[in-house]
């Protein structure tokens, strides 16, 4: 006969984990076999089921997947759509491979004023390189850029002058050299009004939306008029969107041998502009599936919104971010200072059932919370409590928290989303190895047990870690592939 306060645990980190009874009163592990029928009596089974229902209901009530959104119609429609398409057995259920969500970048995921941030990078490059490129002296667009004549650069159907500047500053070098230039610029340049790094001027409500969708089985993509190579440098660290999920304007690259190595060089050839009607084309060419959710902020996104929501055989959702908050960000629609004109798409929204987000009314918080906002400005630390945002590229179940807590003495604890665990980690430099870990043995719904299995399996494969500038923790395997991504918990 076992005592009612005993809990069943298992040891991880072995090829064949061994099970023990753990007596909470004397803290001794015993090798007493587990009776096969120990948990099968009706009274015990009913009690456990009730406790599980109460436990997960309380988790659902206490967790808000979109905490930076006010309780307005926009938030309610987002949640309602997601719940409809993920409900197995529902007539509106969408299989996970078809849950594709596409996001514009400038003005939808981060700020685009006073000019799009990639344009700011290009203008800084023009100023830096003007003495090295004498042939630019006769280029009217270069002269407009140097004079600060943004209106001139934005003329034409696709902002032809600006595209010329982007072409001059984004080609002729290797893809590796371009990546370094962008990284250096991001690390050293701040917004002229807000005094923050550009990557800190992402919208916290939209970051939460990205995580919410991924936790419900959506694949998230950027589909933007911005340069794909520019966005791919930082999209994974800032948005959790890997480079292969970025669709943007592109030019052909060519393969050259330099210093005995095959090298890709950026060119002006076959420039593809991923804007307006080009966005559905880019989705077809680079994604190959029709989205069921689309998020934009301007008339440049209208064709993408229409392609996503009109005539789609699957349930679909369209959303427009309307910039209405001049105090916290900017207010514009018909007469923007740079890009982001919003007139025809705004008029079409009611007819097509698109949700229009009023930034001032619908968002509690505009800017993302980042390490630059902290009082002491210290570098992010490995030690503390972390919340899993992605497990092996498959996201996490909404409201089911998988956590990890590390202390400077190597102690490890956390929750898989069903069971608690604890143990030790060996940490040396950027290397970390977990185990063996001791875990309680409780049952949960199949989806949560699947997440637990993925989580514990990933922890067993971890050999290293990295912390990015936004305070995210990535745990990597032997191939240096990120298999777990965490955000810091307060």
Protein backbone atom coordinates (compact mmCIF):
# COMPACT_ATOMS: atom_id res chain seq x y z
CA UNK A 1 0.00 0.00 0.00
CA UNK A 2 1.44 3.37 -0.96
CA UNK A 3 1.04 6.58 0.97
CA UNK A 4 -1.27 9.30 -0.45
CA UNK A 5 1.48 11.93 -0.36
CA UNK A 6 3.84 9.94 -2.56
CA UNK A 7 4.44 11.11 -6.14
CA UNK A 8 5.77 9.18 -9.06
CA UNK A 9 8.87 10.49 -10.79
CA UNK A 10 11.26 9.46 -13.52
CA UNK A 11 14.90 10.08 -14.26
CA UNK A 12 15.70 11.60 -17.66
CA UNK A 13 18.97 11.46 -19.50
CA UNK A 14 19.14 7.65 -19.73
CA UNK A 15 18.40 5.43 -22.68
CA UNK A 16 15.76 3.59 -20.63
CA UNK A 17 14.46 5.92 -17.88
CA UNK A 18 13.80 4.18 -14.54
CA UNK A 19 10.72 4.98 -12.50
CA UNK A 20 10.65 5.53 -8.73
CA UNK A 21 8.21 6.42 -6.00
CA UNK A 22 9.22 9.65 -4.32
CA UNK A 23 8.11 10.13 -0.72
CA UNK A 24 7.58 13.84 -0.12
CA UNK A 25 7.95 13.43 3.65
CA UNK A 26 11.38 11.86 3.88
CA UNK A 27 12.80 12.76 0.42
CA UNK A 28 14.04 9.23 -0.26
CA UNK A 29 13.69 7.49 -3.60
CA UNK A 30 12.53 3.90 -3.34
CA UNK A 31 12.68 1.18 -5.92
CA UNK A 32 9.23 -0.21 -5.06
CA UNK A 33 7.52 -1.32 -8.30
CA UNK A 34 4.57 0.78 -9.45
CA UNK A 35 1.31 -1.19 -9.24
CA UNK A 36 -0.31 -1.43 -12.66
CA UNK A 37 -3.75 -0.61 -11.27
CA UNK A 38 -2.63 2.15 -8.89
CA UNK A 39 -4.36 4.90 -10.85
CA UNK A 40 -7.25 2.92 -12.27
CA UNK A 41 -9.84 2.97 -9.51
CA UNK A 42 -12.94 5.03 -10.45
CA UNK A 43 -12.66 7.38 -7.48
CA UNK A 44 -9.01 8.18 -8.13
CA UNK A 45 -9.54 8.56 -11.87
CA UNK A 46 -12.53 10.88 -11.39
CA UNK A 47 -10.64 13.00 -8.88
CA UNK A 48 -7.67 13.37 -11.20
CA UNK A 49 -9.89 14.29 -14.14
CA UNK A 50 -11.64 16.97 -12.10
CA UNK A 51 -8.35 18.39 -10.90
CA UNK A 52 -7.00 18.49 -14.46
CA UNK A 53 -10.11 20.29 -15.69
CA UNK A 54 -9.87 22.86 -12.91
CA UNK A 55 -6.14 23.24 -13.42
CA UNK A 56 -6.29 23.92 -17.13
CA UNK A 57 -9.40 26.08 -16.84
CA UNK A 58 -7.66 28.26 -14.26
CA UNK A 59 -4.63 28.49 -16.54
CA UNK A 60 -6.87 29.58 -19.42
CA UNK A 61 -8.60 32.23 -17.30
CA UNK A 62 -5.35 33.62 -15.92
CA UNK A 63 -3.36 33.69 -19.15
CA UNK A 64 -3.91 36.37 -21.77
CA UNK A 65 -2.15 35.65 -25.08
CA UNK A 66 -2.52 39.31 -26.15
CA UNK A 67 -1.92 41.35 -22.98
CA UNK A 68 -0.96 44.56 -24.82
CA UNK A 69 -4.32 44.66 -26.61
CA UNK A 70 -7.31 46.41 -25.07
CA UNK A 71 -10.50 44.37 -24.73
CA UNK A 72 -12.01 45.82 -27.89
CA UNK A 73 -13.55 44.32 -30.99
CA UNK A 74 -10.21 43.91 -32.78
CA UNK A 75 -8.77 41.60 -30.13
CA UNK A 76 -12.00 39.63 -29.83
CA UNK A 77 -12.17 39.03 -33.58
CA UNK A 78 -8.54 37.84 -33.69
CA UNK A 79 -9.10 35.34 -30.89
CA UNK A 80 -12.42 34.18 -32.29
CA UNK A 81 -10.88 33.48 -35.70
CA UNK A 82 -7.97 31.52 -34.26
CA UNK A 83 -10.23 29.45 -32.01
CA UNK A 84 -12.48 28.60 -34.96
CA UNK A 85 -9.76 27.36 -37.29
CA UNK A 86 -7.90 25.27 -34.70
CA UNK A 87 -10.98 23.51 -33.29
CA UNK A 88 -10.82 19.90 -34.48
CA UNK A 89 -14.20 18.77 -35.74
CA UNK A 90 -15.38 22.29 -36.46
CA UNK A 91 -16.61 22.97 -40.01
CA UNK A 92 -14.08 25.84 -40.09
CA UNK A 93 -11.13 23.73 -38.91
CA UNK A 94 -7.97 24.31 -40.96
CA UNK A 95 -5.23 21.65 -40.92
CA UNK A 96 -1.98 22.91 -39.44
CA UNK A 97 0.06 22.85 -42.71
CA UNK A 98 -2.46 25.28 -44.23
CA UNK A 99 -2.37 27.78 -41.36
CA UNK A 100 -0.32 30.41 -43.18
CA UNK A 101 -0.21 33.98 -41.85
CA UNK A 102 1.49 36.78 -43.80
CA UNK A 103 2.59 40.13 -42.37
CA UNK A 104 3.69 43.31 -44.02
CA UNK A 105 6.71 44.75 -42.21
CA UNK A 106 6.98 48.56 -42.44
CA UNK A 107 4.12 50.12 -40.51
CA UNK A 108 2.67 46.70 -39.61
CA UNK A 109 5.36 45.11 -37.44
CA UNK A 110 7.58 48.13 -36.82
CA UNK A 111 7.51 51.87 -37.34
CA UNK A 112 7.98 53.37 -40.83
CA UNK A 113 8.36 57.08 -40.04
CA UNK A 114 9.88 59.56 -40.70
CA UNK A 115 11.01 57.27 -43.53
CA UNK A 116 11.10 53.46 -43.84
CA UNK A 117 14.05 52.20 -41.83
CA UNK A 118 15.66 50.48 -44.80
CA UNK A 119 15.54 53.81 -46.60
CA UNK A 120 17.30 55.40 -43.61
CA UNK A 121 19.99 52.74 -43.92
CA UNK A 122 20.32 53.42 -47.66
CA UNK A 123 20.60 57.19 -47.13
CA UNK A 124 23.31 56.67 -44.53
CA UNK A 125 25.12 54.40 -47.00
CA UNK A 126 24.86 57.07 -49.73
CA UNK A 127 26.47 59.62 -47.42
CA UNK A 128 29.17 57.18 -46.34
CA UNK A 129 30.10 56.08 -49.87
CA UNK A 130 29.58 59.27 -51.91
CA UNK A 131 33.28 60.11 -52.04
CA UNK A 132 34.08 56.56 -53.14
CA UNK A 133 31.60 56.57 -56.04
CA UNK A 134 32.28 59.64 -58.27
CA UNK A 135 29.84 58.34 -60.92
CA UNK A 136 27.02 59.07 -58.52
CA UNK A 137 27.54 62.82 -58.93
CA UNK A 138 25.39 62.84 -62.06
CA UNK A 139 22.60 60.70 -60.65
CA UNK A 140 19.55 62.89 -59.85
CA UNK A 141 18.25 60.43 -57.28
CA UNK A 142 21.54 60.42 -55.42
CA UNK A 143 21.46 64.20 -55.36
CA UNK A 144 17.87 64.14 -54.10
CA UNK A 145 18.91 61.75 -51.35
CA UNK A 146 21.84 63.90 -50.30
CA UNK A 147 19.57 66.96 -50.26
CA UNK A 148 16.99 65.17 -48.14
CA UNK A 149 14.31 65.44 -50.83
CA UNK A 150 12.30 62.41 -49.77
CA UNK A 151 9.31 63.50 -51.87
CA UNK A 152 11.39 63.14 -55.01
CA UNK A 153 12.46 59.64 -54.03
CA UNK A 154 8.88 58.55 -53.37
CA UNK A 155 7.53 59.58 -56.79
CA UNK A 156 6.34 56.86 -59.16
CA UNK A 157 4.21 53.75 -58.77
CA UNK A 158 6.85 51.86 -56.80
CA UNK A 159 8.72 54.83 -55.29
CA UNK A 160 11.13 54.66 -58.23
CA UNK A 161 13.72 57.06 -56.83
CA UNK A 162 13.92 55.22 -53.55
CA UNK A 163 14.23 51.91 -55.37
CA UNK A 164 17.15 53.42 -57.30
CA UNK A 165 18.88 54.37 -54.04
CA UNK A 166 18.25 50.90 -52.62
CA UNK A 167 19.70 49.32 -55.74
CA UNK A 168 22.87 51.43 -55.56
CA UNK A 169 23.48 50.75 -51.88
CA UNK A 170 22.41 47.09 -51.80
CA UNK A 171 24.32 45.66 -54.77
CA UNK A 172 27.85 45.11 -55.95
CA UNK A 173 28.99 43.52 -52.70
CA UNK A 174 28.84 39.98 -51.43
CA UNK A 175 25.82 38.84 -49.47
CA UNK A 176 28.09 38.35 -46.44
CA UNK A 177 29.46 41.89 -46.68
CA UNK A 178 25.94 43.29 -46.95
CA UNK A 179 24.86 41.33 -43.88
CA UNK A 180 27.74 42.82 -41.88
CA UNK A 181 26.84 46.36 -43.01
CA UNK A 182 23.23 45.93 -41.91
CA UNK A 183 24.24 44.42 -38.55
CA UNK A 184 26.62 47.31 -37.87
CA UNK A 185 24.01 49.90 -38.81
CA UNK A 186 21.33 48.27 -36.64
CA UNK A 187 23.74 48.12 -33.71
CA UNK A 188 24.91 51.75 -33.90
CA UNK A 189 22.01 53.84 -35.24
CA UNK A 190 19.03 55.25 -33.35
CA UNK A 191 15.71 56.69 -34.42
CA UNK A 192 15.79 60.51 -34.71
CA UNK A 193 12.60 61.05 -32.70
CA UNK A 194 12.50 58.23 -30.17
CA UNK A 195 16.23 57.80 -29.56
CA UNK A 196 15.99 54.00 -29.62
CA UNK A 197 17.63 51.39 -31.85
CA UNK A 198 15.40 50.69 -34.82
CA UNK A 199 14.89 47.09 -33.74
CA UNK A 200 13.37 48.39 -30.47
CA UNK A 201 10.65 50.18 -32.44
CA UNK A 202 8.67 47.03 -33.12
CA UNK A 203 5.05 46.90 -31.98
CA UNK A 204 4.55 44.85 -28.82
CA UNK A 205 0.92 43.94 -29.71
CA UNK A 206 2.07 42.55 -33.05
CA UNK A 207 4.90 40.58 -31.46
CA UNK A 208 2.32 39.02 -29.15
CA UNK A 209 0.12 38.29 -32.15
CA UNK A 210 2.99 36.51 -33.93
CA UNK A 211 3.62 34.34 -30.87
CA UNK A 212 -0.11 33.66 -30.42
CA UNK A 213 -0.47 32.47 -33.99
CA UNK A 214 2.62 30.28 -33.86
CA UNK A 215 1.46 28.72 -30.59
CA UNK A 216 -1.69 27.70 -32.48
CA UNK A 217 0.12 25.99 -35.32
CA UNK A 218 0.42 28.91 -37.76
CA UNK A 219 3.50 29.47 -39.87
CA UNK A 220 4.26 33.21 -39.93
CA UNK A 221 5.82 34.97 -42.92
CA UNK A 222 6.92 38.51 -43.71
CA UNK A 223 5.71 39.64 -47.14
CA UNK A 224 7.03 43.16 -47.57
CA UNK A 225 8.13 45.68 -50.17
CA UNK A 226 11.37 45.96 -48.20
CA UNK A 227 14.49 44.15 -49.32
CA UNK A 228 14.50 40.48 -48.39
CA UNK A 229 18.25 40.46 -47.67
CA UNK A 230 17.90 43.48 -45.37
CA UNK A 231 15.12 41.92 -43.30
CA UNK A 232 16.67 38.46 -43.15
CA UNK A 233 19.61 39.81 -41.16
CA UNK A 234 17.50 40.44 -38.04
CA UNK A 235 13.99 38.99 -38.58
CA UNK A 236 14.55 35.83 -36.53
CA UNK A 237 15.99 37.63 -33.53
CA UNK A 238 13.39 40.41 -33.58
CA UNK A 239 10.22 38.61 -34.72
CA UNK A 240 11.03 34.93 -34.40
CA UNK A 241 10.58 34.67 -38.20
CA UNK A 242 13.46 32.72 -39.79
CA UNK A 243 15.15 34.04 -42.96
CA UNK A 244 13.49 31.42 -45.15
CA UNK A 245 10.09 32.85 -44.14
CA UNK A 246 10.90 36.36 -45.41
CA UNK A 247 9.49 37.35 -48.81
CA UNK A 248 10.63 40.77 -50.00
CA UNK A 249 11.94 42.74 -52.94
CA UNK A 250 14.91 40.99 -54.46
CA UNK A 251 17.50 41.27 -57.19
CA UNK A 252 19.38 38.38 -58.72
CA UNK A 253 22.64 37.28 -57.18
CA UNK A 254 25.50 35.80 -59.14
CA UNK A 255 28.05 33.22 -58.14
CA UNK A 256 31.69 34.27 -58.27
CA UNK A 257 34.91 32.67 -57.05
CA UNK A 258 36.76 34.98 -54.68
CA UNK A 259 39.86 33.93 -52.76
CA UNK A 260 39.27 30.38 -53.89
CA UNK A 261 35.74 30.25 -52.46
CA UNK A 262 32.30 30.33 -54.11
CA UNK A 263 30.72 33.67 -53.21
CA UNK A 264 27.33 35.21 -53.89
CA UNK A 265 27.34 38.81 -55.16
CA UNK A 266 24.28 41.08 -55.17
CA UNK A 267 23.31 42.61 -58.53
CA UNK A 268 20.73 44.95 -60.10
CA UNK A 269 19.50 42.26 -62.50
CA UNK A 270 15.86 41.14 -62.58
CA UNK A 271 14.68 43.32 -59.71
CA UNK A 272 11.43 41.98 -58.22
CA UNK A 273 9.38 44.52 -56.26
CA UNK A 274 7.28 42.78 -53.63
CA UNK A 275 4.65 45.49 -53.30
CA UNK A 276 0.98 45.92 -54.25
CA UNK A 277 0.14 43.34 -56.97
CA UNK A 278 3.61 41.88 -56.51
CA UNK A 279 2.76 40.56 -53.05
CA UNK A 280 0.36 37.78 -54.12
CA UNK A 281 2.89 36.86 -56.81
CA UNK A 282 5.65 36.68 -54.20
CA UNK A 283 3.44 34.55 -51.94
CA UNK A 284 2.87 32.08 -54.76
CA UNK A 285 6.50 31.96 -55.82
CA UNK A 286 8.13 31.73 -52.40
CA UNK A 287 5.49 30.24 -50.08
CA UNK A 288 3.39 28.11 -52.41
CA UNK A 289 0.29 28.14 -50.20
CA UNK A 290 -2.54 30.62 -50.02
CA UNK A 291 -2.59 32.41 -46.63
CA UNK A 292 -5.62 32.29 -44.38
CA UNK A 293 -4.55 35.36 -42.35
CA UNK A 294 -3.08 38.64 -43.60
CA UNK A 295 -1.89 41.71 -41.68
CA UNK A 296 -1.00 45.04 -43.31
CA UNK A 297 -1.31 48.78 -42.87
CA UNK A 298 -1.47 50.48 -46.27
CA UNK A 299 -2.87 50.45 -49.77
CA UNK A 300 0.30 48.59 -50.75
CA UNK A 301 -1.09 45.63 -48.80
CA UNK A 302 -4.55 45.71 -50.35
CA UNK A 303 -3.83 43.14 -53.08
CA UNK A 304 -2.40 40.76 -50.46
CA UNK A 305 -5.46 41.24 -48.25
CA UNK A 306 -7.77 40.59 -51.20
CA UNK A 307 -5.85 37.49 -52.25
CA UNK A 308 -6.05 36.13 -48.71
CA UNK A 309 -9.72 36.81 -47.99
CA UNK A 310 -11.71 36.97 -51.25
CA UNK A 311 -12.64 33.61 -52.78
CA UNK A 312 -10.49 31.67 -50.33
CA UNK A 313 -11.92 28.15 -49.88
CA UNK A 314 -10.67 28.20 -46.30
CA UNK A 315 -11.83 30.54 -43.49
CA UNK A 316 -9.75 33.70 -43.66
CA UNK A 317 -8.94 36.86 -41.74
CA UNK A 318 -7.65 40.28 -42.79
CA UNK A 319 -6.40 43.07 -40.54
CA UNK A 320 -5.22 46.64 -41.14
CA UNK A 321 -3.17 48.58 -38.61
CA UNK A 322 -4.46 52.18 -38.71
CA UNK A 323 -1.93 54.67 -37.35
CA UNK A 324 -4.00 56.98 -35.14
CA UNK A 325 -1.69 57.72 -32.21
CA UNK A 326 0.37 60.86 -32.75
CA UNK A 327 1.52 60.93 -29.13
CA UNK A 328 2.92 57.43 -28.77
CA UNK A 329 3.80 56.89 -32.45
CA UNK A 330 2.36 58.71 -35.52
CA UNK A 331 -1.07 59.51 -36.95
CA UNK A 332 -1.52 59.23 -40.73
CA UNK A 333 -3.52 57.57 -43.47
CA UNK A 334 -4.32 59.61 -46.64
CA UNK A 335 -1.33 61.94 -46.26
CA UNK A 336 1.66 60.09 -44.78
CA UNK A 337 5.00 61.82 -44.46
CA UNK A 338 6.72 58.96 -46.26
CA UNK A 339 5.21 55.57 -47.09
CA UNK A 340 2.06 53.93 -45.73
CA UNK A 341 -0.75 55.69 -47.57
CA UNK A 342 -4.08 54.23 -46.49
CA UNK A 343 -7.22 55.21 -48.40
CA UNK A 344 -8.54 52.55 -50.78
CA UNK A 345 -7.79 49.64 -48.44
CA UNK A 346 -9.51 51.48 -45.58
CA UNK A 347 -12.57 52.06 -47.74
CA UNK A 348 -12.61 48.39 -48.79
CA UNK A 349 -12.29 47.06 -45.23
CA UNK A 350 -16.01 47.05 -44.22
CA UNK A 351 -17.11 45.43 -47.48
CA UNK A 352 -14.51 42.67 -47.19
CA UNK A 353 -14.87 42.12 -43.46
CA UNK A 354 -11.32 43.20 -42.62
CA UNK A 355 -10.58 44.20 -39.04
CA UNK A 356 -9.22 47.75 -38.69
CA UNK A 357 -7.01 48.26 -35.64
CA UNK A 358 -7.21 51.74 -34.16
CA UNK A 359 -3.72 52.01 -32.67
CA UNK A 360 -4.76 54.63 -30.11
CA UNK A 361 -7.87 52.82 -28.93
CA UNK A 362 -6.94 49.16 -29.35
CA UNK A 363 -3.36 49.01 -28.05
CA UNK A 364 -2.41 49.42 -24.40
CA UNK A 365 1.27 49.52 -25.33
CA UNK A 366 2.90 50.44 -28.63
CA UNK A 367 6.63 49.71 -28.42
CA UNK A 368 8.16 46.36 -27.64
CA UNK A 369 9.72 45.79 -24.25
CA UNK A 370 13.46 45.37 -24.77
CA UNK A 371 16.69 45.38 -22.83
CA UNK A 372 17.32 49.02 -23.74
CA UNK A 373 14.23 49.89 -21.68
CA UNK A 374 15.72 48.42 -18.49
CA UNK A 375 16.95 50.80 -15.83
CA UNK A 376 20.43 49.40 -15.50
CA UNK A 377 21.03 48.56 -19.15
CA UNK A 378 22.85 45.36 -18.17
CA UNK A 379 23.41 42.52 -20.62
CA UNK A 380 20.86 39.72 -20.54
CA UNK A 381 21.74 36.92 -18.14
CA UNK A 382 21.33 33.20 -18.63
CA UNK A 383 20.16 32.85 -15.04
CA UNK A 384 16.54 33.36 -14.11
CA UNK A 385 13.17 32.01 -15.18
CA UNK A 386 12.37 31.50 -18.88
CA UNK A 387 9.21 30.81 -20.87
CA UNK A 388 9.42 28.59 -23.95
CA UNK A 389 8.14 30.35 -27.09
CA UNK A 390 9.17 27.71 -29.62
CA UNK A 391 10.06 24.01 -29.36
CA UNK A 392 11.85 22.45 -32.33
CA UNK A 393 10.27 24.87 -34.79
CA UNK A 394 6.71 23.82 -33.95
CA UNK A 395 5.73 26.56 -31.53
CA UNK A 396 3.95 25.85 -28.25
CA UNK A 397 0.35 25.21 -27.25
CA UNK A 398 -1.45 28.42 -26.36
CA UNK A 399 -1.73 29.00 -22.58
CA UNK A 400 0.32 25.88 -21.80
CA UNK A 401 3.56 27.19 -20.34
CA UNK A 402 6.78 25.22 -20.59
CA UNK A 403 9.28 26.91 -18.32
CA UNK A 404 12.94 26.68 -17.38
CA UNK A 405 14.69 28.22 -14.39
CA UNK A 406 18.49 28.32 -14.05
CA UNK A 407 20.56 29.50 -11.10
CA UNK A 408 24.24 30.36 -10.99
CA UNK A 409 25.03 27.17 -9.04
CA UNK A 410 23.80 25.06 -11.97
CA UNK A 411 20.45 24.12 -10.45
CA UNK A 412 17.65 23.56 -12.95
CA UNK A 413 13.90 23.51 -12.42
CA UNK A 414 10.77 24.15 -14.42
CA UNK A 415 7.52 22.80 -15.80
CA UNK A 416 6.99 20.90 -19.03
CA UNK A 417 3.39 22.27 -19.17
CA UNK A 418 2.13 19.16 -17.36
CA UNK A 419 4.88 18.03 -14.98
CA UNK A 420 7.50 19.69 -12.80
CA UNK A 421 11.15 18.77 -13.16
CA UNK A 422 14.44 19.54 -11.50
CA UNK A 423 18.12 18.67 -11.57
CA UNK A 424 21.46 20.09 -12.60
CA UNK A 425 23.06 21.67 -15.65
CA UNK A 426 26.74 21.76 -16.55
CA UNK A 427 27.60 25.23 -17.86
CA UNK A 428 30.94 26.20 -19.36
CA UNK A 429 31.26 29.30 -21.53
CA UNK A 430 28.53 29.05 -24.18
CA UNK A 431 28.07 25.34 -23.56
CA UNK A 432 25.31 23.85 -21.44
CA UNK A 433 24.25 20.25 -20.88
CA UNK A 434 21.22 19.21 -18.83
CA UNK A 435 20.79 16.12 -16.72
CA UNK A 436 19.92 13.88 -15.33
CA UNK A 437 16.60 15.57 -14.63
CA UNK A 438 13.96 14.28 -12.23
CA UNK A 439 10.33 14.77 -13.26
CA UNK A 440 6.92 14.11 -11.73
CA UNK A 441 4.62 11.81 -13.64
CA UNK A 442 1.15 13.25 -14.16
CA UNK A 443 -1.10 12.73 -17.16
CA UNK A 444 -2.53 15.49 -19.31
CA UNK A 445 -4.44 16.03 -22.56
CA UNK A 446 -2.75 14.57 -25.67
CA UNK A 447 -1.68 17.96 -27.04
CA UNK A 448 0.06 18.85 -23.79
CA UNK A 449 1.68 15.44 -23.46
CA UNK A 450 3.00 15.90 -26.99
CA UNK A 451 4.46 19.28 -26.01
CA UNK A 452 6.01 17.73 -22.91
CA UNK A 453 7.61 15.00 -25.02
CA UNK A 454 9.01 17.52 -27.50
CA UNK A 455 10.28 19.73 -24.69
CA UNK A 456 12.09 17.00 -22.73
CA UNK A 457 13.49 15.51 -25.94
CA UNK A 458 14.86 18.91 -26.96
CA UNK A 459 16.44 19.50 -23.55
CA UNK A 460 18.27 16.19 -23.88
CA UNK A 461 19.81 17.34 -27.20
CA UNK A 462 20.98 20.75 -25.98
CA UNK A 463 24.74 21.37 -26.01
CA UNK A 464 24.94 25.17 -26.04
CA UNK A 465 23.13 28.48 -25.78
CA UNK A 466 23.13 32.03 -27.03
CA UNK A 467 21.45 35.21 -25.80
CA UNK A 468 20.44 37.79 -28.38
CA UNK A 469 20.35 41.55 -27.97
CA UNK A 470 16.60 41.46 -27.29
CA UNK A 471 17.03 39.17 -24.30
CA UNK A 472 15.82 35.96 -25.96
CA UNK A 473 17.51 32.70 -25.00
CA UNK A 474 18.24 30.15 -27.74
CA UNK A 475 19.29 26.62 -26.78
CA UNK A 476 21.15 24.88 -29.60
CA UNK A 477 22.00 21.30 -30.56
CA UNK A 478 25.29 19.82 -31.75
CA UNK A 479 24.76 21.38 -35.20
CA UNK A 480 24.27 24.82 -33.60
CA UNK A 481 20.64 24.78 -34.64
CA UNK A 482 18.26 26.58 -32.26
CA UNK A 483 15.86 23.91 -30.99
CA UNK A 484 14.38 25.93 -28.10
CA UNK A 485 13.61 29.64 -27.86
CA UNK A 486 12.73 31.33 -24.56
CA UNK A 487 11.74 34.79 -23.36
CA UNK A 488 12.55 36.01 -19.84
CA UNK A 489 9.80 35.82 -17.24
CA UNK A 490 9.43 38.47 -14.60
